[in-house]
Amino acid sequence: MSSLLLPDGSPGDSKRAWRELGRRRRAGVGAQQNVVREAGWAQTGSRRILSSGVSTVALYLSRPGEPGTGQLADARGRAGLRVLAPVLTDRAGRGLHDPAWGLYSPGQTRPGLWAIPEPIGQTLPAEGLGQADLVICSALWADLEGHRVGTGGGWYDRALVWRRSEVPVWAMVDDSEVVERLPHDSWDIPVDAALTPTGLTALG
């Protein structure tokens, strides 16, 4: 695992630099490796979700280059779990900064804002996240203290205020993207664990 100050001159205490490094690293991952990783996330995620006994999970629907959630969402949806996914287009009248949540059914999506897949089922307002028993969020990095570096939009931090206080939040990252320490701000909401292709690492 890496520390905040790295001897090879990589990011240090700049979130922007960590984002740029994360994007470059992911852009260099081959298609076959991404297939293997997504299968790993689906397998470990399904196992951990089953053992946690949740009935509703909220997760993002991935684009190419992101940790793939497609197999995990489909598997849990077909198994009868309620799966909620973000709806960033302004269907709920509140817009990007207060996203709605759609009830996901396997194969039932449309391209949304920035070509992010969105469910086309029932749509809940932002406070609908309060129905989730588990939230799986996107991240470029996560650290051992539970801080995450996301893509920079900040909307997950705003969305998470609607979850119930006892509901855990998992960041979905590769094993190599869990590091010792990341820069963070006072308003960042920490995550409880990192879901990787090989398992679930408790953070914080």
Protein backbone atom coordinates (compact mmCIF):
# COMPACT_ATOMS: atom_id res chain seq x y z
CA MET A 1 0.00 0.00 0.00
CA SER A 2 1.11 3.54 -0.73
CA SER A 3 1.43 6.48 1.63
CA LEU A 4 0.38 10.09 1.08
CA LEU A 5 3.95 11.17 0.32
CA LEU A 6 5.44 8.76 -2.18
CA PRO A 7 9.16 8.50 -2.91
CA ASP A 8 8.55 8.20 -6.66
CA GLY A 9 7.09 11.71 -6.87
CA SER A 10 3.47 10.65 -7.29
CA PRO A 11 0.50 12.60 -6.00
CA GLY A 12 1.24 13.72 -2.44
CA ASP A 13 -1.50 15.86 -0.92
CA SER A 14 -3.25 16.98 -4.12
CA LYS A 15 -6.65 15.41 -4.81
CA ARG A 16 -6.42 16.56 -8.42
CA ALA A 17 -3.09 14.77 -8.87
CA TRP A 18 -4.52 11.59 -7.34
CA ARG A 19 -7.47 11.80 -9.74
CA GLU A 20 -5.21 12.26 -12.73
CA LEU A 21 -3.03 9.35 -11.67
CA GLY A 22 -6.08 7.15 -11.07
CA ARG A 23 -7.52 7.92 -14.50
CA ARG A 24 -4.19 7.25 -16.22
CA ARG A 25 -3.81 3.93 -14.42
CA ARG A 26 -7.31 2.82 -15.33
CA ALA A 27 -6.86 3.87 -18.95
CA GLY A 28 -3.91 1.51 -19.13
CA VAL A 29 -5.86 -1.56 -18.00
CA GLY A 30 -6.52 -3.98 -20.84
CA ALA A 31 -9.95 -5.23 -21.85
CA GLN A 32 -9.28 -8.80 -20.73
CA GLN A 33 -8.06 -7.63 -17.33
CA ASN A 34 -11.22 -5.57 -16.93
CA VAL A 35 -13.32 -8.66 -17.68
CA VAL A 36 -11.48 -10.60 -14.96
CA ARG A 37 -11.86 -7.74 -12.49
CA GLU A 38 -15.60 -7.35 -13.10
CA ALA A 39 -16.12 -11.06 -12.54
CA GLY A 40 -14.19 -10.71 -9.27
CA TRP A 41 -16.30 -7.77 -8.10
CA ALA A 42 -19.46 -9.68 -8.97
CA GLN A 43 -18.36 -12.79 -7.09
CA THR A 44 -17.00 -11.10 -3.96
CA GLY A 45 -19.73 -8.47 -3.93
CA SER A 46 -22.51 -11.04 -4.22
CA ARG A 47 -21.00 -13.15 -1.45
CA ARG A 48 -20.58 -10.19 0.89
CA ILE A 49 -24.03 -8.80 0.16
CA LEU A 50 -25.62 -12.16 0.81
CA SER A 51 -23.78 -12.56 4.11
CA SER A 52 -24.81 -9.05 5.22
CA GLY A 53 -28.51 -9.90 4.87
CA VAL A 54 -29.51 -6.64 3.13
CA SER A 55 -32.70 -6.39 1.09
CA THR A 56 -31.98 -3.14 -0.81
CA VAL A 57 -28.60 -2.06 -2.15
CA ALA A 58 -27.78 1.24 -3.87
CA LEU A 59 -24.93 1.20 -6.38
CA TYR A 60 -23.77 3.09 -9.44
CA LEU A 61 -24.07 1.68 -12.95
CA SER A 62 -20.59 1.74 -14.41
CA ARG A 63 -19.24 3.16 -17.64
CA PRO A 64 -16.26 1.66 -19.51
CA GLY A 65 -13.07 2.26 -17.56
CA GLU A 66 -14.77 2.21 -14.16
CA PRO A 67 -14.93 -0.74 -11.78
CA GLY A 68 -17.64 -2.77 -13.47
CA THR A 69 -20.93 -3.10 -11.58
CA GLY A 70 -22.97 -4.68 -14.38
CA GLN A 71 -22.57 -8.34 -13.41
CA LEU A 72 -23.06 -7.56 -9.72
CA ALA A 73 -26.21 -5.51 -10.32
CA ASP A 74 -27.66 -8.15 -12.65
CA ALA A 75 -26.89 -11.03 -10.29
CA ARG A 76 -28.41 -9.35 -7.26
CA GLY A 77 -31.41 -8.10 -9.24
CA ARG A 78 -32.17 -11.56 -10.59
CA ALA A 79 -31.82 -12.97 -7.07
CA GLY A 80 -34.64 -10.72 -5.87
CA LEU A 81 -32.62 -7.97 -4.19
CA ARG A 82 -33.90 -4.42 -4.71
CA VAL A 83 -31.17 -2.51 -6.55
CA LEU A 84 -31.23 1.30 -6.65
CA ALA A 85 -29.03 3.26 -9.06
CA PRO A 86 -28.49 7.02 -9.55
CA VAL A 87 -30.58 9.01 -11.99
CA LEU A 88 -28.62 12.16 -12.76
CA THR A 89 -30.82 13.60 -15.46
CA ASP A 90 -33.29 16.11 -14.06
CA ARG A 91 -36.36 13.88 -14.04
CA ALA A 92 -37.15 14.57 -10.41
CA GLY A 93 -36.95 18.34 -10.87
CA ARG A 94 -33.99 18.67 -8.53
CA GLY A 95 -31.09 18.15 -10.87
CA LEU A 96 -27.56 16.82 -10.79
CA HIS A 97 -26.69 18.03 -7.31
CA ASP A 98 -29.52 16.12 -5.66
CA PRO A 99 -29.82 12.96 -7.75
CA ALA A 100 -32.85 10.71 -7.88
CA TRP A 101 -32.66 6.93 -7.56
CA GLY A 102 -34.13 4.43 -9.99
CA LEU A 103 -35.18 0.86 -9.31
CA TYR A 104 -32.90 -1.27 -11.49
CA SER A 105 -33.98 -4.32 -13.46
CA PRO A 106 -31.36 -6.30 -15.43
CA GLY A 107 -31.05 -4.95 -18.95
CA GLN A 108 -33.47 -2.07 -18.36
CA THR A 109 -31.28 1.03 -18.69
CA ARG A 110 -30.83 4.08 -20.87
CA PRO A 111 -27.87 6.44 -21.43
CA GLY A 112 -28.06 9.32 -18.96
CA LEU A 113 -25.92 12.36 -18.24
CA TRP A 114 -22.33 11.89 -19.50
CA ALA A 115 -23.50 8.53 -20.95
CA ILE A 116 -23.84 7.07 -17.45
CA PRO A 117 -26.36 4.20 -17.57
CA GLU A 118 -29.59 4.93 -15.71
CA PRO A 119 -32.42 2.54 -14.76
CA ILE A 120 -35.72 3.11 -16.52
CA GLY A 121 -37.88 1.66 -13.76
CA GLN A 122 -39.59 3.45 -10.90
CA THR A 123 -37.78 6.65 -9.89
CA LEU A 124 -37.46 7.79 -6.29
CA PRO A 125 -36.45 11.28 -5.12
CA ALA A 126 -33.08 11.94 -3.49
CA GLU A 127 -34.36 10.90 -0.07
CA GLY A 128 -35.17 7.49 -1.56
CA LEU A 129 -31.60 6.54 -0.73
CA GLY A 130 -32.92 6.13 2.81
CA GLN A 131 -34.46 2.84 1.67
CA ALA A 132 -31.03 1.30 1.02
CA ASP A 133 -29.46 -1.08 3.53
CA LEU A 134 -26.07 -0.78 1.82
CA VAL A 135 -24.51 1.83 -0.49
CA ILE A 136 -21.75 0.94 -2.96
CA CYS A 137 -20.16 4.12 -4.31
CA SER A 138 -17.66 4.87 -7.03
CA ALA A 139 -14.11 5.93 -6.24
CA LEU A 140 -10.73 6.21 -7.86
CA TRP A 141 -8.93 5.50 -4.58
CA ALA A 142 -9.68 4.61 -0.97
CA ASP A 143 -7.40 4.72 2.06
CA LEU A 144 -7.13 2.79 5.30
CA GLU A 145 -8.79 5.62 7.25
CA GLY A 146 -11.91 5.41 5.09
CA HIS A 147 -11.29 8.44 2.89
CA ARG A 148 -11.97 8.20 -0.83
CA VAL A 149 -10.99 10.20 -3.87
CA GLY A 150 -13.79 10.24 -6.42
CA THR A 151 -14.05 11.72 -9.87
CA GLY A 152 -14.53 15.23 -8.53
CA GLY A 153 -18.23 15.92 -9.03
CA GLY A 154 -18.95 15.78 -5.30
CA TRP A 155 -22.47 14.51 -5.80
CA TYR A 156 -21.94 11.26 -3.85
CA ASP A 157 -21.06 13.25 -0.73
CA ARG A 158 -24.28 15.22 -1.18
CA ALA A 159 -26.31 12.10 -1.90
CA LEU A 160 -25.02 10.19 1.12
CA VAL A 161 -26.63 12.57 3.58
CA TRP A 162 -29.94 10.85 2.71
CA ARG A 163 -28.84 7.41 3.82
CA ARG A 164 -29.72 6.09 7.26
CA SER A 165 -26.86 6.69 9.68
CA GLU A 166 -26.28 2.99 10.37
CA VAL A 167 -26.08 2.01 6.69
CA PRO A 168 -22.56 1.05 5.57
CA VAL A 169 -20.89 2.59 2.52
CA TRP A 170 -18.46 0.56 0.42
CA ALA A 171 -16.11 2.08 -2.16
CA MET A 172 -15.64 -0.11 -5.23
CA VAL A 173 -11.98 -0.07 -6.25
CA ASP A 174 -9.23 -2.40 -7.40
CA ASP A 175 -6.94 -3.96 -4.79
CA SER A 176 -4.11 -1.70 -5.98
CA GLU A 177 -6.29 1.38 -5.39
CA VAL A 178 -6.46 0.91 -1.61
CA VAL A 179 -3.62 3.04 -0.22
CA GLU A 180 -2.34 4.02 3.19
CA ARG A 181 -3.41 7.66 3.18
CA LEU A 182 -5.18 10.13 0.87
CA PRO A 183 -5.82 13.86 1.02
CA HIS A 184 -9.32 14.73 2.24
CA ASP A 185 -11.52 17.67 3.16
CA SER A 186 -13.65 18.23 6.23
CA TRP A 187 -16.89 17.75 4.26
CA ASP A 188 -15.88 14.39 2.76
CA ILE A 189 -18.04 11.53 4.00
CA PRO A 190 -15.90 8.49 4.86
CA VAL A 191 -16.58 4.98 3.63
CA ASP A 192 -16.64 1.85 5.77
CA ALA A 193 -14.98 -0.64 3.45
CA ALA A 194 -13.36 -1.16 0.07
CA LEU A 195 -14.95 -3.76 -2.19
CA THR A 196 -12.23 -5.16 -4.44
CA PRO A 197 -12.15 -8.07 -6.90
CA THR A 198 -10.62 -10.27 -4.17
CA GLY A 199 -12.63 -9.31 -1.09
CA LEU A 200 -13.91 -6.66 1.28
CA THR A 201 -11.41 -4.60 3.29
CA ALA A 202 -12.70 -2.80 6.37
CA LEU A 203 -11.56 0.82 6.54
CA GLY A 204 -11.48 3.46 9.24
